[in-house]
Amino acid sequence: MIEVIQKPSIRKADKPDVIMARMDYIIICRVIEQLNKMGMTDDELSFLLGKPNNYVFGFIVKPSDKNRFNEDQIDLLPYILNCTFTEIIPNDTEPGNIQLYQTKAIDNATYKGFSHIIYSDQGEGTRIIWRKQKAPKGSTRKTNLELLALLKIWIDEGYFEQKRAALEIYKILNTAFTIVFQISELEKCMKILCGTRRALLQKESTDGVLRYWERSISGS
């Protein structure tokens, strides 16, 4: 979960540290809101977007015009986050840029995140903090053995003879099966199947999205 803390700031506006499109900033705010509403983590969203862990959190700890969701990803967000498009980009989103002041990365023993100040048209400042707790060192996730067994059956049946994206796999599991699983458990199962111990699948980024397929199938 990403905590959002807002508190008044008495600092006077100086030179902004970041100037970015207001729409891109709003999207980040709304994604954080929807993630917390669903109980989904930013790493789970990264996985479904076909990206490595911390991809989405990278937008949160260092937002900018270059560090943002692209159009293809924005089109997927309503499905993944179980919301409407206007819940990601409200119809009343103002055009133009937003300025972030007194920006600061958060990286201590407990939290990592991003702190910044935004000012209203009346000059009132609000410090906004986005942060999440660091996982304890040495912590591990349990393997969903039922899910792992099902994925191995899919391999035997030839499902992975074609390259498959994580979101494609997730959709089928959600619509055609009654198995109970967390997205993080699916990510771990795919990692196990791609690992040297199992060596049943391989993965590679194609057009900017990680895809999985049988090791016996040519990567061409």
C-alpha atoms as a PDB file:
ATOM      1  CA  MET A   1       0.000   0.000   0.000  1.00  0.00           C
ATOM      2  CA  ILE A   2       1.170   3.514  -0.834  1.00  0.00           C
ATOM      3  CA  GLU A   3       0.402   5.988   1.928  1.00  0.00           C
ATOM      4  CA  VAL A   4      -0.694   9.482   0.882  1.00  0.00           C
ATOM      5  CA  ILE A   5      -0.085  12.203   3.460  1.00  0.00           C
ATOM      6  CA  GLN A   6      -1.205  15.790   2.911  1.00  0.00           C
ATOM      7  CA  LYS A   7      -0.499  18.690   5.230  1.00  0.00           C
ATOM      8  CA  PRO A   8      -0.428  22.484   4.897  1.00  0.00           C
ATOM      9  CA  SER A   9       2.926  24.051   4.115  1.00  0.00           C
ATOM     10  CA  ILE A  10       3.964  27.552   5.129  1.00  0.00           C
ATOM     11  CA  ARG A  11       6.966  27.546   2.789  1.00  0.00           C
ATOM     12  CA  LYS A  12       6.875  30.260   0.171  1.00  0.00           C
ATOM     13  CA  ALA A  13       6.962  29.185  -3.456  1.00  0.00           C
ATOM     14  CA  ASP A  14      10.437  29.538  -4.929  1.00  0.00           C
ATOM     15  CA  LYS A  15      11.695  27.925  -8.129  1.00  0.00           C
ATOM     16  CA  PRO A  16       9.899  24.665  -8.980  1.00  0.00           C
ATOM     17  CA  ASP A  17      11.982  21.499  -9.047  1.00  0.00           C
ATOM     18  CA  VAL A  18       9.688  19.725 -11.501  1.00  0.00           C
ATOM     19  CA  ILE A  19       7.360  21.041 -14.205  1.00  0.00           C
ATOM     20  CA  MET A  20       5.194  18.363 -15.800  1.00  0.00           C
ATOM     21  CA  ALA A  21       1.889  17.985 -17.608  1.00  0.00           C
ATOM     22  CA  ARG A  22      -0.991  18.273 -15.143  1.00  0.00           C
ATOM     23  CA  MET A  23      -2.697  15.264 -16.736  1.00  0.00           C
ATOM     24  CA  ASP A  24       0.329  13.038 -16.107  1.00  0.00           C
ATOM     25  CA  TYR A  25       0.435  14.147 -12.468  1.00  0.00           C
ATOM     26  CA  ILE A  26      -3.299  13.491 -12.047  1.00  0.00           C
ATOM     27  CA  ILE A  27      -2.898  10.009 -13.536  1.00  0.00           C
ATOM     28  CA  ILE A  28      -0.229   9.155 -10.954  1.00  0.00           C
ATOM     29  CA  CYS A  29      -2.472  10.452  -8.142  1.00  0.00           C
ATOM     30  CA  ARG A  30      -5.475   8.485  -9.406  1.00  0.00           C
ATOM     31  CA  VAL A  31      -3.453   5.295  -9.913  1.00  0.00           C
ATOM     32  CA  ILE A  32      -2.245   5.482  -6.300  1.00  0.00           C
ATOM     33  CA  GLU A  33      -5.847   6.018  -5.183  1.00  0.00           C
ATOM     34  CA  GLN A  34      -7.155   3.044  -7.188  1.00  0.00           C
ATOM     35  CA  LEU A  35      -4.310   0.764  -6.092  1.00  0.00           C
ATOM     36  CA  ASN A  36      -5.089   1.461  -2.444  1.00  0.00           C
ATOM     37  CA  LYS A  37      -8.814   1.041  -3.072  1.00  0.00           C
ATOM     38  CA  MET A  38      -8.268  -2.400  -4.642  1.00  0.00           C
ATOM     39  CA  GLY A  39      -5.543  -3.535  -2.296  1.00  0.00           C
ATOM     40  CA  MET A  40      -3.194  -4.005  -5.252  1.00  0.00           C
ATOM     41  CA  THR A  41       0.493  -3.151  -4.953  1.00  0.00           C
ATOM     42  CA  ASP A  42       2.462  -1.055  -7.399  1.00  0.00           C
ATOM     43  CA  ASP A  43       4.668  -4.091  -8.125  1.00  0.00           C
ATOM     44  CA  GLU A  44       1.570  -6.107  -9.065  1.00  0.00           C
ATOM     45  CA  LEU A  45       0.543  -3.346 -11.466  1.00  0.00           C
ATOM     46  CA  SER A  46       4.069  -3.296 -12.907  1.00  0.00           C
ATOM     47  CA  PHE A  47       3.850  -7.059 -13.498  1.00  0.00           C
ATOM     48  CA  LEU A  48       0.505  -6.811 -15.313  1.00  0.00           C
ATOM     49  CA  LEU A  49       1.891  -4.018 -17.488  1.00  0.00           C
ATOM     50  CA  GLY A  50       4.704  -6.361 -18.493  1.00  0.00           C
ATOM     51  CA  LYS A  51       7.369  -4.490 -16.590  1.00  0.00           C
ATOM     52  CA  PRO A  52       9.823  -5.360 -13.784  1.00  0.00           C
ATOM     53  CA  ASN A  53       9.191  -4.591 -10.123  1.00  0.00           C
ATOM     54  CA  ASN A  54       9.458  -0.919  -9.123  1.00  0.00           C
ATOM     55  CA  TYR A  55       8.565   0.231 -12.661  1.00  0.00           C
ATOM     56  CA  VAL A  56       5.370   1.962 -11.526  1.00  0.00           C
ATOM     57  CA  PHE A  57       6.942   3.115  -8.270  1.00  0.00           C
ATOM     58  CA  GLY A  58       9.594   4.815 -10.396  1.00  0.00           C
ATOM     59  CA  PHE A  59       6.895   7.247 -11.568  1.00  0.00           C
ATOM     60  CA  ILE A  60       5.942   7.913  -7.969  1.00  0.00           C
ATOM     61  CA  VAL A  61       9.431   8.581  -6.600  1.00  0.00           C
ATOM     62  CA  LYS A  62      10.535  10.645  -9.601  1.00  0.00           C
ATOM     63  CA  PRO A  63       7.589  12.041 -11.577  1.00  0.00           C
ATOM     64  CA  SER A  64       8.380  14.077 -14.683  1.00  0.00           C
ATOM     65  CA  ASP A  65       7.349  14.565 -18.298  1.00  0.00           C
ATOM     66  CA  LYS A  66       9.670  11.713 -19.247  1.00  0.00           C
ATOM     67  CA  ASN A  67       8.833   9.433 -16.314  1.00  0.00           C
ATOM     68  CA  ARG A  68       5.135   8.705 -16.772  1.00  0.00           C
ATOM     69  CA  PHE A  69       2.586   6.205 -18.069  1.00  0.00           C
ATOM     70  CA  ASN A  70       2.469   5.975 -21.857  1.00  0.00           C
ATOM     71  CA  GLU A  71      -0.733   5.932 -23.918  1.00  0.00           C
ATOM     72  CA  ASP A  72      -0.826   2.144 -24.342  1.00  0.00           C
ATOM     73  CA  GLN A  73      -0.523   1.679 -20.580  1.00  0.00           C
ATOM     74  CA  ILE A  74      -3.192   4.289 -19.845  1.00  0.00           C
ATOM     75  CA  ASP A  75      -5.605   2.362 -22.084  1.00  0.00           C
ATOM     76  CA  LEU A  76      -5.039  -0.747 -19.912  1.00  0.00           C
ATOM     77  CA  LEU A  77      -5.382   0.955 -16.528  1.00  0.00           C
ATOM     78  CA  PRO A  78      -9.216   0.975 -16.286  1.00  0.00           C
ATOM     79  CA  TYR A  79      -9.372  -2.805 -16.818  1.00  0.00           C
ATOM     80  CA  ILE A  80      -6.506  -3.600 -14.448  1.00  0.00           C
ATOM     81  CA  LEU A  81      -7.675  -1.179 -11.755  1.00  0.00           C
ATOM     82  CA  ASN A  82     -11.367  -2.042 -12.193  1.00  0.00           C
ATOM     83  CA  CYS A  83     -12.471   1.536 -12.746  1.00  0.00           C
ATOM     84  CA  THR A  84     -13.723   3.859 -15.466  1.00  0.00           C
ATOM     85  CA  PHE A  85     -11.477   5.899 -17.710  1.00  0.00           C
ATOM     86  CA  THR A  86     -12.722   9.098 -16.071  1.00  0.00           C
ATOM     87  CA  GLU A  87     -11.559   7.773 -12.706  1.00  0.00           C
ATOM     88  CA  ILE A  88      -8.044   7.788 -14.164  1.00  0.00           C
ATOM     89  CA  ILE A  89      -8.368  11.057 -16.090  1.00  0.00           C
ATOM     90  CA  PRO A  90     -11.307  13.148 -14.792  1.00  0.00           C
ATOM     91  CA  ASN A  91     -13.226  15.122 -17.413  1.00  0.00           C
ATOM     92  CA  ASP A  92     -12.514  18.348 -15.535  1.00  0.00           C
ATOM     93  CA  THR A  93      -8.723  17.913 -15.622  1.00  0.00           C
ATOM     94  CA  GLU A  94      -7.296  21.320 -16.446  1.00  0.00           C
ATOM     95  CA  PRO A  95      -4.858  21.603 -19.370  1.00  0.00           C
ATOM     96  CA  GLY A  96      -1.316  22.837 -19.017  1.00  0.00           C
ATOM     97  CA  ASN A  97       1.421  22.067 -16.524  1.00  0.00           C
ATOM     98  CA  ILE A  98       1.731  21.646 -12.785  1.00  0.00           C
ATOM     99  CA  GLN A  99       4.761  22.722 -10.764  1.00  0.00           C
ATOM    100  CA  LEU A 100       6.231  20.665  -7.932  1.00  0.00           C
ATOM    101  CA  TYR A 101       8.277  22.461  -5.289  1.00  0.00           C
ATOM    102  CA  GLN A 102      10.674  21.350  -2.553  1.00  0.00           C
ATOM    103  CA  THR A 103      10.802  17.825  -3.934  1.00  0.00           C
ATOM    104  CA  LYS A 104      12.619  15.222  -1.883  1.00  0.00           C
ATOM    105  CA  ALA A 105      13.154  11.491  -2.183  1.00  0.00           C
ATOM    106  CA  ILE A 106      12.326   9.406   0.885  1.00  0.00           C
ATOM    107  CA  ASP A 107      14.643   6.503   1.566  1.00  0.00           C
ATOM    108  CA  ASN A 108      15.147   5.463   5.158  1.00  0.00           C
ATOM    109  CA  ALA A 109      15.125   2.244   7.145  1.00  0.00           C
ATOM    110  CA  THR A 110      11.334   1.999   7.068  1.00  0.00           C
ATOM    111  CA  TYR A 111       9.987   3.870   4.043  1.00  0.00           C
ATOM    112  CA  LYS A 112      10.771   4.866   0.495  1.00  0.00           C
ATOM    113  CA  GLY A 113       8.824   7.434  -1.479  1.00  0.00           C
ATOM    114  CA  PHE A 114       8.555  11.034  -2.633  1.00  0.00           C
ATOM    115  CA  SER A 115       7.666  14.345  -0.983  1.00  0.00           C
ATOM    116  CA  HIS A 116       6.712  17.594  -2.722  1.00  0.00           C
ATOM    117  CA  ILE A 117       4.712  20.794  -2.372  1.00  0.00           C
ATOM    118  CA  ILE A 118       2.043  22.079  -4.736  1.00  0.00           C
ATOM    119  CA  TYR A 119       0.441  25.527  -4.569  1.00  0.00           C
ATOM    120  CA  SER A 120      -3.123  26.582  -5.268  1.00  0.00           C
ATOM    121  CA  ASP A 121      -3.954  29.622  -7.397  1.00  0.00           C
ATOM    122  CA  GLN A 122      -4.311  31.509  -4.111  1.00  0.00           C
ATOM    123  CA  GLY A 123      -0.735  30.628  -3.139  1.00  0.00           C
ATOM    124  CA  GLU A 124      -1.666  28.110  -0.445  1.00  0.00           C
ATOM    125  CA  GLY A 125       0.890  25.315  -0.223  1.00  0.00           C
ATOM    126  CA  THR A 126       0.223  21.636   0.480  1.00  0.00           C
ATOM    127  CA  ARG A 127       2.987  19.163   1.128  1.00  0.00           C
ATOM    128  CA  ILE A 128       2.146  15.779  -0.341  1.00  0.00           C
ATOM    129  CA  ILE A 129       4.006  12.633   0.665  1.00  0.00           C
ATOM    130  CA  TRP A 130       3.749   9.338  -1.212  1.00  0.00           C
ATOM    131  CA  ARG A 131       5.480   6.517   0.613  1.00  0.00           C
ATOM    132  CA  LYS A 132       5.394   2.765   1.154  1.00  0.00           C
ATOM    133  CA  GLN A 133       6.992   0.518   3.709  1.00  0.00           C
ATOM    134  CA  LYS A 134      10.075  -1.431   2.737  1.00  0.00           C
ATOM    135  CA  ALA A 135       9.784  -5.202   2.850  1.00  0.00           C
ATOM    136  CA  PRO A 136      11.674  -6.713   5.793  1.00  0.00           C
ATOM    137  CA  LYS A 137      15.057  -8.104   4.807  1.00  0.00           C
ATOM    138  CA  GLY A 138      14.981 -11.827   4.219  1.00  0.00           C
ATOM    139  CA  SER A 139      11.198 -11.942   3.800  1.00  0.00           C
ATOM    140  CA  THR A 140       9.821 -14.451   1.294  1.00  0.00           C
ATOM    141  CA  ARG A 141       6.456 -15.036  -0.304  1.00  0.00           C
ATOM    142  CA  LYS A 142       4.673 -18.382  -0.121  1.00  0.00           C
ATOM    143  CA  THR A 143       4.176 -20.220  -3.398  1.00  0.00           C
ATOM    144  CA  ASN A 144       0.608 -20.866  -4.535  1.00  0.00           C
ATOM    145  CA  LEU A 145       1.108 -24.558  -5.376  1.00  0.00           C
ATOM    146  CA  GLU A 146      -2.336 -24.940  -6.942  1.00  0.00           C
ATOM    147  CA  LEU A 147      -1.644 -22.065  -9.310  1.00  0.00           C
ATOM    148  CA  LEU A 148       1.831 -23.373 -10.106  1.00  0.00           C
ATOM    149  CA  ALA A 149       0.406 -26.809 -10.932  1.00  0.00           C
ATOM    150  CA  LEU A 150      -2.202 -25.261 -13.246  1.00  0.00           C
ATOM    151  CA  LEU A 151       0.422 -23.271 -15.123  1.00  0.00           C
ATOM    152  CA  LYS A 152       2.499 -26.439 -15.581  1.00  0.00           C
ATOM    153  CA  ILE A 153      -0.577 -28.125 -17.092  1.00  0.00           C
ATOM    154  CA  TRP A 154      -0.901 -25.191 -19.491  1.00  0.00           C
ATOM    155  CA  ILE A 155       2.727 -25.714 -20.516  1.00  0.00           C
ATOM    156  CA  ASP A 156       2.063 -29.407 -21.183  1.00  0.00           C
ATOM    157  CA  GLU A 157      -1.041 -28.534 -23.202  1.00  0.00           C
ATOM    158  CA  GLY A 158       0.892 -26.098 -25.399  1.00  0.00           C
ATOM    159  CA  TYR A 159      -0.544 -22.813 -24.154  1.00  0.00           C
ATOM    160  CA  PHE A 160       2.926 -21.303 -23.977  1.00  0.00           C
ATOM    161  CA  GLU A 161       3.889 -22.314 -27.487  1.00  0.00           C
ATOM    162  CA  GLN A 162       2.981 -18.693 -28.235  1.00  0.00           C
ATOM    163  CA  LYS A 163       4.465 -15.762 -26.387  1.00  0.00           C
ATOM    164  CA  ARG A 164       2.117 -14.665 -23.611  1.00  0.00           C
ATOM    165  CA  ALA A 165       2.035 -11.404 -21.668  1.00  0.00           C
ATOM    166  CA  ALA A 166       1.256 -11.418 -17.941  1.00  0.00           C
ATOM    167  CA  LEU A 167      -2.000  -9.520 -18.438  1.00  0.00           C
ATOM    168  CA  GLU A 168      -3.173 -12.106 -20.986  1.00  0.00           C
ATOM    169  CA  ILE A 169      -2.483 -14.921 -18.507  1.00  0.00           C
ATOM    170  CA  TYR A 170      -4.191 -12.996 -15.712  1.00  0.00           C
ATOM    171  CA  LYS A 171      -7.329 -12.380 -17.805  1.00  0.00           C
ATOM    172  CA  ILE A 172      -7.779 -16.082 -18.598  1.00  0.00           C
ATOM    173  CA  LEU A 173      -7.249 -17.102 -14.977  1.00  0.00           C
ATOM    174  CA  ASN A 174      -9.825 -14.526 -13.882  1.00  0.00           C
ATOM    175  CA  THR A 175     -12.501 -15.365 -16.449  1.00  0.00           C
ATOM    176  CA  ALA A 176     -12.199 -19.109 -17.121  1.00  0.00           C
ATOM    177  CA  PHE A 177     -11.064 -20.528 -13.783  1.00  0.00           C
ATOM    178  CA  THR A 178     -12.219 -20.400 -10.175  1.00  0.00           C
ATOM    179  CA  ILE A 179      -8.757 -20.643  -8.680  1.00  0.00           C
ATOM    180  CA  VAL A 180      -8.061 -18.109  -5.928  1.00  0.00           C
ATOM    181  CA  PHE A 181      -4.768 -16.250  -6.255  1.00  0.00           C
ATOM    182  CA  GLN A 182      -3.014 -12.952  -5.712  1.00  0.00           C
ATOM    183  CA  ILE A 183      -1.294 -11.194  -8.607  1.00  0.00           C
ATOM    184  CA  SER A 184       1.947 -11.373  -6.663  1.00  0.00           C
ATOM    185  CA  GLU A 185       1.511 -15.167  -6.486  1.00  0.00           C
ATOM    186  CA  LEU A 186       1.141 -15.343 -10.262  1.00  0.00           C
ATOM    187  CA  GLU A 187       4.295 -13.254 -10.630  1.00  0.00           C
ATOM    188  CA  LYS A 188       6.179 -15.600  -8.315  1.00  0.00           C
ATOM    189  CA  CYS A 189       4.945 -18.693 -10.175  1.00  0.00           C
ATOM    190  CA  MET A 190       6.116 -17.238 -13.494  1.00  0.00           C
ATOM    191  CA  LYS A 191       9.467 -16.452 -11.907  1.00  0.00           C
ATOM    192  CA  ILE A 192       9.753 -20.057 -10.664  1.00  0.00           C
ATOM    193  CA  LEU A 193       8.888 -21.485 -14.090  1.00  0.00           C
ATOM    194  CA  CYS A 194      11.488 -19.255 -15.732  1.00  0.00           C
ATOM    195  CA  GLY A 195      14.158 -20.036 -13.137  1.00  0.00           C
ATOM    196  CA  THR A 196      17.110 -22.325 -13.673  1.00  0.00           C
ATOM    197  CA  ARG A 197      15.670 -24.990 -11.366  1.00  0.00           C
ATOM    198  CA  ARG A 198      12.475 -25.497 -13.421  1.00  0.00           C
ATOM    199  CA  ALA A 199      13.648 -24.013 -16.735  1.00  0.00           C
ATOM    200  CA  LEU A 200      10.254 -24.599 -18.335  1.00  0.00           C
ATOM    201  CA  LEU A 201       9.644 -21.063 -19.585  1.00  0.00           C
ATOM    202  CA  GLN A 202      11.705 -18.153 -20.758  1.00  0.00           C
ATOM    203  CA  LYS A 203      10.865 -14.474 -20.860  1.00  0.00           C
ATOM    204  CA  GLU A 204      11.894 -11.574 -23.014  1.00  0.00           C
ATOM    205  CA  SER A 205      10.761  -8.024 -23.603  1.00  0.00           C
ATOM    206  CA  THR A 206       8.950  -7.678 -26.927  1.00  0.00           C
ATOM    207  CA  ASP A 207       7.780  -4.203 -27.930  1.00  0.00           C
ATOM    208  CA  GLY A 208       8.428  -3.060 -24.370  1.00  0.00           C
ATOM    209  CA  VAL A 209       6.339  -5.807 -22.722  1.00  0.00           C
ATOM    210  CA  LEU A 210       7.698  -8.923 -20.992  1.00  0.00           C
ATOM    211  CA  ARG A 211       6.374 -12.113 -22.587  1.00  0.00           C
ATOM    212  CA  TYR A 212       6.678 -15.758 -21.574  1.00  0.00           C
ATOM    213  CA  TRP A 213       6.986 -18.867 -23.717  1.00  0.00           C
ATOM    214  CA  GLU A 214       8.317 -22.419 -23.697  1.00  0.00           C
ATOM    215  CA  ARG A 215      12.074 -22.784 -23.656  1.00  0.00           C
ATOM    216  CA  SER A 216      11.835 -25.358 -26.412  1.00  0.00           C
ATOM    217  CA  ILE A 217      10.197 -22.830 -28.723  1.00  0.00           C
ATOM    218  CA  SER A 218      12.444 -20.638 -30.858  1.00  0.00           C
ATOM    219  CA  GLY A 219      12.647 -17.014 -29.746  1.00  0.00           C
ATOM    220  CA  SER A 220      12.142 -15.841 -33.306  1.00  0.00           C
END
